[in-house]
Amino acid sequence: MDIRIAKETALELLSRAKAEGATALSFTADEFSFSVEFAPKQIAVAAPATAPAAPVAAAEEAPPPAEQDVPGTPVRSPIVGTYYAAPDPQSPPFATVGQEVKKGDTLCIIEAMKMLNEITAPCDGKITRIFCQNGDLVEYDQVVMAIQ
């Protein structure tokens, strides 16, 4: 099987599996194979009756840390992977706080399954905050930076 066909098939299967709420997926075609487990959505669990009720209510209402202070347009990770601010350790970062960017400019790289995915600016603006550091693991839809 051609690598391009295997990749297209795998991406289609991943998309369908995620849309239908699957928790894991395995794919094998000739010499190509992969398996993936999707992170379950976090669900708030009520505290035991002996615990005070106020802290539980506060925990359920608090937004995730990266969502609290997102000024402007959030730039989200489209995949689970490792965040890299630069193409290699000796190079300067693609983006820094205060830098003006144009729509389509490369902001960072997310590595997933040995594939490097460039994350581009969704709009023109100024980078107001970067939520990740080089080498951090990021989740799907996690805010990595903000543009205003």
N, C-alpha and C. Protein backbone atom coordinates (compact mmCIF):
# COMPACT_ATOMS: atom_id res chain seq x y z
N MET A 1 0.85 -1.18 0.00
CA MET A 1 0.00 0.00 0.00
C MET A 1 0.89 1.24 0.00
N ASP A 2 0.54 2.22 -0.78
CA ASP A 2 1.27 3.48 -0.88
C ASP A 2 1.12 4.27 0.43
N ILE A 3 2.19 4.92 0.86
CA ILE A 3 2.18 5.66 2.14
C ILE A 3 1.13 6.77 2.12
N ARG A 4 0.91 7.40 0.97
CA ARG A 4 -0.09 8.48 0.89
C ARG A 4 -1.50 7.94 1.08
N ILE A 5 -1.76 6.80 0.50
CA ILE A 5 -3.08 6.18 0.66
C ILE A 5 -3.29 5.76 2.11
N ALA A 6 -2.25 5.17 2.71
CA ALA A 6 -2.33 4.76 4.12
C ALA A 6 -2.58 5.98 5.01
N LYS A 7 -1.89 7.08 4.74
CA LYS A 7 -2.06 8.29 5.55
C LYS A 7 -3.47 8.84 5.40
N GLU A 8 -3.98 8.93 4.16
CA GLU A 8 -5.33 9.44 3.94
C GLU A 8 -6.37 8.57 4.63
N THR A 9 -6.20 7.26 4.53
CA THR A 9 -7.12 6.33 5.17
C THR A 9 -7.07 6.47 6.68
N ALA A 10 -5.87 6.57 7.23
CA ALA A 10 -5.71 6.71 8.68
C ALA A 10 -6.35 8.00 9.18
N LEU A 11 -6.13 9.12 8.47
CA LEU A 11 -6.71 10.39 8.87
C LEU A 11 -8.24 10.35 8.81
N GLU A 12 -8.79 9.69 7.79
CA GLU A 12 -10.23 9.57 7.69
C GLU A 12 -10.79 8.73 8.84
N LEU A 13 -10.11 7.62 9.16
CA LEU A 13 -10.54 6.78 10.27
C LEU A 13 -10.48 7.53 11.59
N LEU A 14 -9.40 8.29 11.81
CA LEU A 14 -9.27 9.08 13.04
C LEU A 14 -10.41 10.08 13.16
N SER A 15 -10.71 10.75 12.06
CA SER A 15 -11.79 11.74 12.06
C SER A 15 -13.13 11.10 12.40
N ARG A 16 -13.42 9.98 11.76
CA ARG A 16 -14.69 9.29 12.02
C ARG A 16 -14.76 8.76 13.46
N ALA A 17 -13.67 8.17 13.92
CA ALA A 17 -13.65 7.61 15.27
C ALA A 17 -13.89 8.69 16.31
N LYS A 18 -13.23 9.83 16.15
CA LYS A 18 -13.38 10.93 17.09
C LYS A 18 -14.80 11.47 17.06
N ALA A 19 -15.38 11.60 15.85
CA ALA A 19 -16.74 12.12 15.71
C ALA A 19 -17.76 11.20 16.36
N GLU A 20 -17.51 9.90 16.34
CA GLU A 20 -18.46 8.95 16.90
C GLU A 20 -18.19 8.61 18.36
N GLY A 21 -17.19 9.28 18.96
CA GLY A 21 -16.94 9.11 20.39
C GLY A 21 -16.12 7.88 20.76
N ALA A 22 -15.35 7.35 19.81
CA ALA A 22 -14.53 6.18 20.11
C ALA A 22 -13.45 6.55 21.12
N THR A 23 -13.00 5.57 21.90
CA THR A 23 -11.94 5.83 22.88
C THR A 23 -10.60 5.30 22.41
N ALA A 24 -10.58 4.43 21.40
CA ALA A 24 -9.33 3.88 20.88
C ALA A 24 -9.54 3.45 19.44
N LEU A 25 -8.43 3.39 18.68
CA LEU A 25 -8.48 2.99 17.28
C LEU A 25 -7.17 2.34 16.91
N SER A 26 -7.23 1.22 16.18
CA SER A 26 -6.05 0.55 15.64
C SER A 26 -6.23 0.41 14.15
N PHE A 27 -5.15 0.58 13.40
CA PHE A 27 -5.20 0.51 11.94
C PHE A 27 -3.97 -0.24 11.45
N THR A 28 -4.18 -1.23 10.57
CA THR A 28 -3.08 -1.97 9.97
C THR A 28 -3.40 -2.19 8.50
N ALA A 29 -2.43 -1.85 7.64
CA ALA A 29 -2.57 -2.07 6.21
C ALA A 29 -1.19 -2.43 5.68
N ASP A 30 -1.01 -3.66 5.27
CA ASP A 30 0.28 -4.16 4.83
C ASP A 30 1.32 -3.92 5.91
N GLU A 31 2.38 -3.14 5.60
CA GLU A 31 3.44 -2.90 6.58
C GLU A 31 3.19 -1.66 7.43
N PHE A 32 2.08 -0.95 7.22
CA PHE A 32 1.77 0.25 7.98
C PHE A 32 0.77 -0.09 9.09
N SER A 33 1.05 0.43 10.28
CA SER A 33 0.09 0.23 11.36
C SER A 33 0.25 1.33 12.40
N PHE A 34 -0.84 1.61 13.09
CA PHE A 34 -0.79 2.53 14.22
C PHE A 34 -1.98 2.22 15.12
N SER A 35 -1.87 2.67 16.35
CA SER A 35 -3.00 2.60 17.26
C SER A 35 -2.97 3.87 18.10
N VAL A 36 -4.14 4.32 18.48
CA VAL A 36 -4.25 5.57 19.22
C VAL A 36 -5.37 5.43 20.24
N GLU A 37 -5.18 6.08 21.38
CA GLU A 37 -6.23 6.16 22.39
C GLU A 37 -6.57 7.63 22.57
N PHE A 38 -7.85 7.94 22.56
CA PHE A 38 -8.29 9.31 22.74
C PHE A 38 -8.45 9.58 24.23
N ALA A 39 -8.06 10.77 24.65
CA ALA A 39 -8.22 11.15 26.05
C ALA A 39 -9.70 11.34 26.33
N PRO A 40 -10.21 10.72 27.38
CA PRO A 40 -11.63 10.89 27.69
C PRO A 40 -11.90 12.31 28.17
N LYS A 41 -13.09 12.78 27.88
CA LYS A 41 -13.47 14.11 28.38
C LYS A 41 -13.54 14.06 29.89
N GLN A 42 -13.06 15.11 30.52
CA GLN A 42 -13.07 15.13 31.97
C GLN A 42 -14.48 15.46 32.47
N ILE A 43 -14.92 14.71 33.44
CA ILE A 43 -16.24 14.90 34.00
C ILE A 43 -16.08 15.20 35.48
N ALA A 44 -16.76 16.24 35.94
CA ALA A 44 -16.69 16.60 37.35
C ALA A 44 -17.46 15.56 38.16
N VAL A 45 -16.86 15.09 39.23
CA VAL A 45 -17.48 14.08 40.09
C VAL A 45 -17.80 14.75 41.41
N ALA A 46 -18.99 14.50 41.91
CA ALA A 46 -19.40 15.09 43.18
C ALA A 46 -18.55 14.52 44.31
N ALA A 47 -18.24 15.36 45.27
CA ALA A 47 -17.44 14.94 46.42
C ALA A 47 -18.30 14.08 47.35
N PRO A 48 -17.65 13.24 48.17
CA PRO A 48 -18.41 12.45 49.14
C PRO A 48 -19.19 13.36 50.09
N ALA A 49 -20.20 12.81 50.72
CA ALA A 49 -21.08 13.59 51.61
C ALA A 49 -20.32 14.23 52.76
N THR A 50 -19.17 13.67 53.16
CA THR A 50 -18.42 14.22 54.29
C THR A 50 -17.63 15.46 53.92
N ALA A 51 -17.41 15.68 52.63
CA ALA A 51 -16.63 16.85 52.19
C ALA A 51 -17.53 18.08 52.16
N PRO A 52 -16.97 19.27 52.42
CA PRO A 52 -17.78 20.48 52.33
C PRO A 52 -18.22 20.72 50.89
N ALA A 53 -19.40 21.24 50.69
CA ALA A 53 -19.98 21.43 49.35
C ALA A 53 -19.41 22.64 48.62
N ALA A 54 -18.98 23.67 49.31
CA ALA A 54 -18.53 24.89 48.65
C ALA A 54 -17.32 24.68 47.74
N PRO A 55 -16.24 23.99 48.15
CA PRO A 55 -15.11 23.82 47.24
C PRO A 55 -15.46 23.05 45.97
N VAL A 56 -16.36 22.08 46.07
CA VAL A 56 -16.76 21.31 44.90
C VAL A 56 -17.45 22.22 43.90
N ALA A 57 -18.36 23.07 44.36
CA ALA A 57 -19.07 23.97 43.47
C ALA A 57 -18.10 24.94 42.81
N ALA A 58 -17.12 25.43 43.53
CA ALA A 58 -16.14 26.35 42.96
C ALA A 58 -15.30 25.65 41.91
N ALA A 59 -14.94 24.40 42.13
CA ALA A 59 -14.12 23.66 41.17
C ALA A 59 -14.88 23.40 39.88
N GLU A 60 -16.19 23.14 39.96
CA GLU A 60 -16.97 22.87 38.77
C GLU A 60 -17.16 24.13 37.93
N GLU A 61 -17.21 25.29 38.54
CA GLU A 61 -17.46 26.53 37.82
C GLU A 61 -16.19 27.15 37.24
N ALA A 62 -15.04 26.80 37.75
CA ALA A 62 -13.80 27.41 37.28
C ALA A 62 -13.44 26.89 35.90
N PRO A 63 -13.12 27.79 34.95
CA PRO A 63 -12.71 27.34 33.63
C PRO A 63 -11.30 26.76 33.69
N PRO A 64 -10.90 25.98 32.68
CA PRO A 64 -9.54 25.45 32.66
C PRO A 64 -8.53 26.60 32.72
N PRO A 65 -7.32 26.37 33.26
CA PRO A 65 -6.35 27.45 33.45
C PRO A 65 -6.04 28.22 32.17
N ALA A 66 -5.87 27.55 31.05
CA ALA A 66 -5.50 28.24 29.81
C ALA A 66 -6.66 29.08 29.28
N GLU A 67 -7.88 28.81 29.69
CA GLU A 67 -9.04 29.52 29.18
C GLU A 67 -9.34 30.80 29.98
N GLN A 68 -8.77 30.96 31.17
CA GLN A 68 -9.15 32.06 32.04
C GLN A 68 -8.84 33.42 31.44
N ASP A 69 -7.63 33.65 31.00
CA ASP A 69 -7.21 34.96 30.54
C ASP A 69 -6.76 34.91 29.08
N VAL A 70 -7.67 34.59 28.19
CA VAL A 70 -7.31 34.54 26.78
C VAL A 70 -7.75 35.85 26.14
N PRO A 71 -6.83 36.83 26.09
CA PRO A 71 -7.17 38.09 25.46
C PRO A 71 -7.08 37.95 23.94
N GLY A 72 -8.11 38.34 23.23
CA GLY A 72 -8.07 38.28 21.77
C GLY A 72 -8.45 36.92 21.22
N THR A 73 -7.83 36.57 20.09
CA THR A 73 -8.12 35.32 19.39
C THR A 73 -7.23 34.20 19.90
N PRO A 74 -7.82 33.13 20.44
CA PRO A 74 -6.99 32.02 20.90
C PRO A 74 -6.47 31.19 19.72
N VAL A 75 -5.23 30.74 19.83
CA VAL A 75 -4.65 29.82 18.85
C VAL A 75 -4.64 28.47 19.54
N ARG A 76 -5.36 27.50 18.99
CA ARG A 76 -5.54 26.20 19.63
C ARG A 76 -4.74 25.12 18.91
N SER A 77 -4.34 24.12 19.67
CA SER A 77 -3.64 22.97 19.10
C SER A 77 -4.66 22.08 18.41
N PRO A 78 -4.44 21.75 17.13
CA PRO A 78 -5.39 20.89 16.43
C PRO A 78 -5.18 19.41 16.74
N ILE A 79 -4.11 19.09 17.46
CA ILE A 79 -3.77 17.69 17.75
C ILE A 79 -3.12 17.57 19.11
N VAL A 80 -3.00 16.35 19.58
CA VAL A 80 -2.24 16.06 20.80
C VAL A 80 -0.79 15.87 20.38
N GLY A 81 0.13 16.50 21.08
CA GLY A 81 1.53 16.34 20.71
C GLY A 81 2.45 17.16 21.59
N THR A 82 3.66 17.39 21.08
CA THR A 82 4.68 18.15 21.80
C THR A 82 4.84 19.51 21.14
N TYR A 83 4.79 20.57 21.95
CA TYR A 83 4.91 21.95 21.47
C TYR A 83 6.38 22.32 21.30
N TYR A 84 6.70 22.89 20.14
CA TYR A 84 8.04 23.42 19.90
C TYR A 84 7.92 24.85 19.41
N ALA A 85 8.64 25.76 20.04
CA ALA A 85 8.58 27.17 19.70
C ALA A 85 9.47 27.52 18.51
N ALA A 86 10.44 26.66 18.19
CA ALA A 86 11.39 26.93 17.12
C ALA A 86 11.61 25.65 16.30
N PRO A 87 12.14 25.80 15.08
CA PRO A 87 12.37 24.61 14.25
C PRO A 87 13.46 23.69 14.79
N ASP A 88 14.41 24.24 15.53
CA ASP A 88 15.44 23.44 16.19
C ASP A 88 15.96 24.21 17.40
N PRO A 89 16.66 23.54 18.31
CA PRO A 89 17.08 24.21 19.56
C PRO A 89 17.96 25.45 19.38
N GLN A 90 18.73 25.53 18.29
CA GLN A 90 19.61 26.68 18.09
C GLN A 90 18.92 27.86 17.42
N SER A 91 17.76 27.65 16.84
CA SER A 91 17.05 28.72 16.12
C SER A 91 16.22 29.58 17.06
N PRO A 92 15.98 30.84 16.66
CA PRO A 92 15.09 31.68 17.47
C PRO A 92 13.64 31.17 17.34
N PRO A 93 12.78 31.49 18.30
CA PRO A 93 11.39 31.03 18.24
C PRO A 93 10.65 31.65 17.05
N PHE A 94 9.63 30.93 16.56
CA PHE A 94 8.80 31.44 15.49
C PHE A 94 8.07 32.71 15.93
N ALA A 95 7.59 32.71 17.18
CA ALA A 95 6.78 33.82 17.68
C ALA A 95 7.16 34.15 19.12
N THR A 96 7.07 35.43 19.43
CA THR A 96 7.33 35.90 20.79
C THR A 96 6.22 36.86 21.20
N VAL A 97 6.04 37.05 22.49
CA VAL A 97 5.03 37.97 22.99
C VAL A 97 5.37 39.37 22.49
N GLY A 98 4.36 40.06 21.96
CA GLY A 98 4.55 41.41 21.43
C GLY A 98 4.84 41.45 19.94
N GLN A 99 5.10 40.32 19.34
CA GLN A 99 5.43 40.26 17.92
C GLN A 99 4.16 40.42 17.08
N GLU A 100 4.28 41.20 16.00
CA GLU A 100 3.18 41.34 15.04
C GLU A 100 3.24 40.17 14.07
N VAL A 101 2.09 39.54 13.81
CA VAL A 101 2.03 38.42 12.88
C VAL A 101 0.93 38.66 11.85
N LYS A 102 1.08 38.04 10.71
CA LYS A 102 0.09 38.09 9.65
C LYS A 102 -0.60 36.74 9.56
N LYS A 103 -1.81 36.72 9.07
CA LYS A 103 -2.55 35.47 8.91
C LYS A 103 -1.72 34.52 8.06
N GLY A 104 -1.53 33.29 8.56
CA GLY A 104 -0.76 32.28 7.84
C GLY A 104 0.69 32.17 8.27
N ASP A 105 1.19 33.11 9.08
CA ASP A 105 2.56 33.02 9.60
C ASP A 105 2.67 31.81 10.53
N THR A 106 3.79 31.12 10.48
CA THR A 106 4.03 29.98 11.38
C THR A 106 4.28 30.50 12.79
N LEU A 107 3.54 29.95 13.76
CA LEU A 107 3.66 30.37 15.15
C LEU A 107 4.43 29.37 16.00
N CYS A 108 4.29 28.07 15.69
CA CYS A 108 4.94 27.03 16.45
C CYS A 108 4.81 25.72 15.69
N ILE A 109 5.37 24.67 16.26
CA ILE A 109 5.27 23.33 15.68
C ILE A 109 4.73 22.40 16.76
N ILE A 110 3.80 21.53 16.38
CA ILE A 110 3.31 20.49 17.27
C ILE A 110 3.74 19.16 16.64
N GLU A 111 4.55 18.40 17.38
CA GLU A 111 5.00 17.10 16.89
C GLU A 111 4.07 16.02 17.43
N ALA A 112 3.57 15.20 16.50
CA ALA A 112 2.71 14.08 16.88
C ALA A 112 3.08 12.89 16.02
N MET A 113 3.40 11.78 16.66
CA MET A 113 3.74 10.55 15.96
C MET A 113 4.85 10.78 14.92
N LYS A 114 5.89 11.49 15.32
CA LYS A 114 7.06 11.79 14.49
C LYS A 114 6.75 12.67 13.28
N MET A 115 5.56 13.29 13.27
CA MET A 115 5.21 14.23 12.20
C MET A 115 5.19 15.63 12.80
N LEU A 116 5.80 16.57 12.08
CA LEU A 116 5.85 17.95 12.54
C LEU A 116 4.74 18.73 11.86
N ASN A 117 3.88 19.35 12.66
CA ASN A 117 2.74 20.10 12.15
C ASN A 117 2.91 21.57 12.49
N GLU A 118 3.03 22.42 11.46
CA GLU A 118 3.17 23.85 11.69
C GLU A 118 1.81 24.44 12.04
N ILE A 119 1.76 25.21 13.10
CA ILE A 119 0.54 25.89 13.50
C ILE A 119 0.68 27.34 13.03
N THR A 120 -0.30 27.80 12.26
CA THR A 120 -0.22 29.13 11.67
C THR A 120 -1.20 30.10 12.33
N ALA A 121 -0.93 31.37 12.14
CA ALA A 121 -1.77 32.42 12.71
C ALA A 121 -3.13 32.43 12.02
N PRO A 122 -4.23 32.41 12.79
CA PRO A 122 -5.56 32.44 12.19
C PRO A 122 -5.98 33.84 11.73
N CYS A 123 -5.23 34.87 12.18
CA CYS A 123 -5.58 36.24 11.84
C CYS A 123 -4.35 37.13 11.98
N ASP A 124 -4.46 38.36 11.49
CA ASP A 124 -3.40 39.35 11.70
C ASP A 124 -3.51 39.87 13.13
N GLY A 125 -2.39 40.25 13.71
CA GLY A 125 -2.44 40.83 15.04
C GLY A 125 -1.12 40.75 15.77
N LYS A 126 -1.20 40.97 17.07
CA LYS A 126 -0.04 40.99 17.94
C LYS A 126 -0.18 39.86 18.96
N ILE A 127 0.88 39.09 19.16
CA ILE A 127 0.84 38.00 20.13
C ILE A 127 0.85 38.60 21.53
N THR A 128 -0.21 38.30 22.28
CA THR A 128 -0.34 38.88 23.63
C THR A 128 0.10 37.92 24.72
N ARG A 129 0.03 36.61 24.43
CA ARG A 129 0.41 35.65 25.47
C ARG A 129 0.72 34.31 24.84
N ILE A 130 1.73 33.63 25.38
CA ILE A 130 2.07 32.27 24.97
C ILE A 130 1.91 31.39 26.21
N PHE A 131 1.05 30.38 26.10
CA PHE A 131 0.70 29.54 27.24
C PHE A 131 1.59 28.32 27.40
N CYS A 132 2.43 28.01 26.41
CA CYS A 132 3.26 26.79 26.44
C CYS A 132 4.74 27.15 26.42
N GLN A 133 5.53 26.21 26.91
CA GLN A 133 6.97 26.34 26.82
C GLN A 133 7.49 25.23 25.92
N ASN A 134 8.66 25.45 25.36
CA ASN A 134 9.27 24.48 24.46
C ASN A 134 9.31 23.09 25.11
N GLY A 135 8.78 22.08 24.41
CA GLY A 135 8.81 20.72 24.90
C GLY A 135 7.58 20.31 25.70
N ASP A 136 6.65 21.25 25.96
CA ASP A 136 5.43 20.92 26.70
C ASP A 136 4.54 19.99 25.88
N LEU A 137 3.84 19.10 26.57
CA LEU A 137 2.83 18.28 25.92
C LEU A 137 1.55 19.09 25.86
N VAL A 138 0.91 19.10 24.70
CA VAL A 138 -0.35 19.83 24.55
C VAL A 138 -1.45 18.85 24.16
N GLU A 139 -2.66 19.20 24.53
CA GLU A 139 -3.82 18.38 24.22
C GLU A 139 -4.57 18.97 23.04
N TYR A 140 -5.46 18.17 22.48
CA TYR A 140 -6.32 18.63 21.40
C TYR A 140 -7.14 19.82 21.89
N ASP A 141 -7.20 20.88 21.10
CA ASP A 141 -7.99 22.07 21.37
C ASP A 141 -7.47 22.92 22.53
N GLN A 142 -6.28 22.64 23.02
CA GLN A 142 -5.67 23.44 24.10
C GLN A 142 -5.19 24.76 23.51
N VAL A 143 -5.42 25.85 24.22
CA VAL A 143 -4.94 27.16 23.78
C VAL A 143 -3.44 27.22 24.00
N VAL A 144 -2.68 27.49 22.92
CA VAL A 144 -1.23 27.58 23.04
C VAL A 144 -0.74 29.02 23.06
N MET A 145 -1.50 29.92 22.42
CA MET A 145 -1.17 31.36 22.48
C MET A 145 -2.39 32.17 22.09
N ALA A 146 -2.28 33.50 22.29
CA ALA A 146 -3.38 34.40 21.97
C ALA A 146 -2.88 35.54 21.10
N ILE A 147 -3.70 35.95 20.15
CA ILE A 147 -3.38 37.06 19.23
C ILE A 147 -4.47 38.12 19.39
N GLN A 148 -4.05 39.38 19.48
CA GLN A 148 -5.02 40.45 19.60
C GLN A 148 -4.81 41.45 18.50
